[in-house]
Amino acid sequence: MPPKKKKYTRPAKLRKPTKDELAKVEKASGIGLTDEEISLAVGISESSLKRHYRKALRTGRAKAHLSVASKIYEMAMAGNVPMIQLFAKHQMGWKDDPASLRAAAETPDGIKFEVELVKL
């Protein structure tokens, strides 16, 4: 039986990202640039970006999500109705019911009432 041939694989180039590159990738990822756009800006291939900058990509996106979610929460707690609705839909699983519309009101005499319009 003839000996098996060894497969030749190209050795991976050892590339150590600089602190500036890591910061650039993290910021670009956080503002929503695609991996393709980031790789072009840094000057490397997409596969190298994903291999060597994976943590910076994930960290940038996570920091951006945290920042936006915090702002939505702050605005909702301050009484901003659209933000309350957005928070309730995305964090609490609430849904709009397009077939009905509810409204609550109070008369000048202090009598509270609710009205529900239902599409038939």
Protein backbone atom coordinates (compact mmCIF):
# COMPACT_ATOMS: atom_id res chain seq x y z
CA MET A 1 0.00 0.00 0.00
CA PRO A 2 1.51 3.33 -1.04
CA PRO A 3 2.02 5.95 1.69
CA LYS A 4 -0.64 8.65 1.97
CA LYS A 5 0.26 12.02 0.54
CA LYS A 6 0.36 14.86 2.98
CA LYS A 7 -1.94 17.70 2.19
CA TYR A 8 -0.15 20.99 1.88
CA THR A 9 -1.82 23.83 3.71
CA ARG A 10 -0.61 27.35 3.60
CA PRO A 11 0.46 28.52 7.04
CA ALA A 12 -1.73 31.27 8.41
CA LYS A 13 -0.01 34.62 8.61
CA LEU A 14 0.22 35.75 12.17
CA ARG A 15 -1.38 39.14 12.24
CA LYS A 16 -1.71 41.03 15.48
CA PRO A 17 -4.21 43.89 15.25
CA THR A 18 -3.05 47.23 16.61
CA LYS A 19 -4.99 49.10 19.30
CA ASP A 20 -5.92 51.79 16.76
CA GLU A 21 -7.29 49.18 14.35
CA LEU A 22 -9.27 47.49 17.11
CA ALA A 23 -10.77 50.83 18.18
CA LYS A 24 -11.59 51.70 14.56
CA VAL A 25 -13.30 48.34 13.97
CA GLU A 26 -15.24 48.57 17.25
CA LYS A 27 -16.48 52.08 16.46
CA ALA A 28 -17.40 51.22 12.86
CA SER A 29 -19.24 48.12 14.00
CA GLY A 30 -21.10 50.13 16.62
CA ILE A 31 -22.41 52.67 14.12
CA GLY A 32 -23.75 49.91 11.91
CA LEU A 33 -21.23 49.48 9.11
CA THR A 34 -21.24 46.08 7.46
CA ASP A 35 -18.29 43.71 7.77
CA GLU A 36 -17.51 44.38 4.09
CA GLU A 37 -17.36 48.14 4.65
CA ILE A 38 -15.22 47.75 7.77
CA SER A 39 -12.79 45.41 6.02
CA LEU A 40 -12.38 47.93 3.20
CA ALA A 41 -11.75 50.75 5.68
CA VAL A 42 -9.15 48.73 7.60
CA GLY A 43 -7.59 47.34 4.41
CA ILE A 44 -8.00 43.62 5.03
CA SER A 45 -10.22 40.85 3.70
CA GLU A 46 -13.58 40.09 5.28
CA SER A 47 -12.39 36.67 6.39
CA SER A 48 -9.34 38.21 8.11
CA LEU A 49 -11.59 40.79 9.74
CA LYS A 50 -13.84 38.07 11.14
CA ARG A 51 -10.88 35.96 12.23
CA HIS A 52 -8.73 38.64 13.88
CA TYR A 53 -11.29 41.25 14.96
CA ARG A 54 -14.23 39.09 16.05
CA LYS A 55 -14.26 40.45 19.60
CA ALA A 56 -14.07 44.09 18.45
CA LEU A 57 -16.96 43.52 16.02
CA ARG A 58 -19.16 41.98 18.72
CA THR A 59 -18.17 44.52 21.37
CA GLY A 60 -18.91 47.49 19.11
CA ARG A 61 -22.37 46.18 18.24
CA ALA A 62 -23.15 45.32 21.87
CA LYS A 63 -22.10 48.78 23.11
CA ALA A 64 -24.27 50.45 20.47
CA HIS A 65 -27.27 48.28 21.40
CA LEU A 66 -26.76 49.10 25.08
CA SER A 67 -26.55 52.82 24.36
CA VAL A 68 -29.72 52.87 22.25
CA ALA A 69 -31.67 50.64 24.63
CA SER A 70 -30.65 52.83 27.58
CA LYS A 71 -31.83 55.96 25.78
CA ILE A 72 -35.16 54.35 24.85
CA TYR A 73 -35.62 53.28 28.48
CA GLU A 74 -34.77 56.76 29.81
CA MET A 75 -37.19 58.40 27.38
CA ALA A 76 -39.94 55.90 28.22
CA MET A 77 -39.50 56.46 31.95
CA ALA A 78 -39.68 60.23 31.35
CA GLY A 79 -43.18 59.76 29.88
CA ASN A 80 -42.43 59.85 26.14
CA VAL A 81 -45.46 57.93 24.83
CA PRO A 82 -43.94 56.65 21.55
CA MET A 83 -40.93 55.35 23.49
CA ILE A 84 -43.22 53.69 26.05
CA GLN A 85 -45.01 51.96 23.17
CA LEU A 86 -41.73 50.95 21.53
CA PHE A 87 -40.38 49.61 24.82
CA ALA A 88 -43.60 47.69 25.53
CA LYS A 89 -43.61 46.12 22.07
CA HIS A 90 -39.96 45.10 22.00
CA GLN A 91 -39.26 44.29 25.64
CA MET A 92 -42.65 43.17 26.91
CA GLY A 93 -44.00 41.45 23.81
CA TRP A 94 -46.99 43.75 23.36
CA LYS A 95 -48.59 43.97 19.92
CA ASP A 96 -50.77 46.45 18.10
CA ASP A 97 -54.28 45.24 17.38
CA PRO A 98 -55.22 47.00 14.15
CA ALA A 99 -58.83 45.80 14.41
CA SER A 100 -59.56 47.83 17.53
CA LEU A 101 -58.76 51.19 19.03
CA ARG A 102 -59.03 52.06 22.73
CA ALA A 103 -59.22 55.49 24.28
CA ALA A 104 -59.56 56.54 27.89
CA ALA A 105 -60.82 59.93 28.98
CA GLU A 106 -62.17 61.84 31.94
CA THR A 107 -65.07 64.28 32.00
CA PRO A 108 -64.75 67.69 33.67
CA ASP A 109 -66.81 66.22 36.54
CA GLY A 110 -64.10 63.60 37.16
CA ILE A 111 -65.94 60.65 35.63
CA LYS A 112 -63.51 58.29 33.93
CA PHE A 113 -64.56 56.22 30.93
CA GLU A 114 -63.08 54.04 28.20
CA VAL A 115 -64.12 53.76 24.59
CA GLU A 116 -63.21 50.87 22.31
CA LEU A 117 -63.80 51.08 18.58
CA VAL A 118 -63.92 47.68 16.95
CA LYS A 119 -63.77 47.09 13.21
CA LEU A 120 -66.58 44.75 12.16
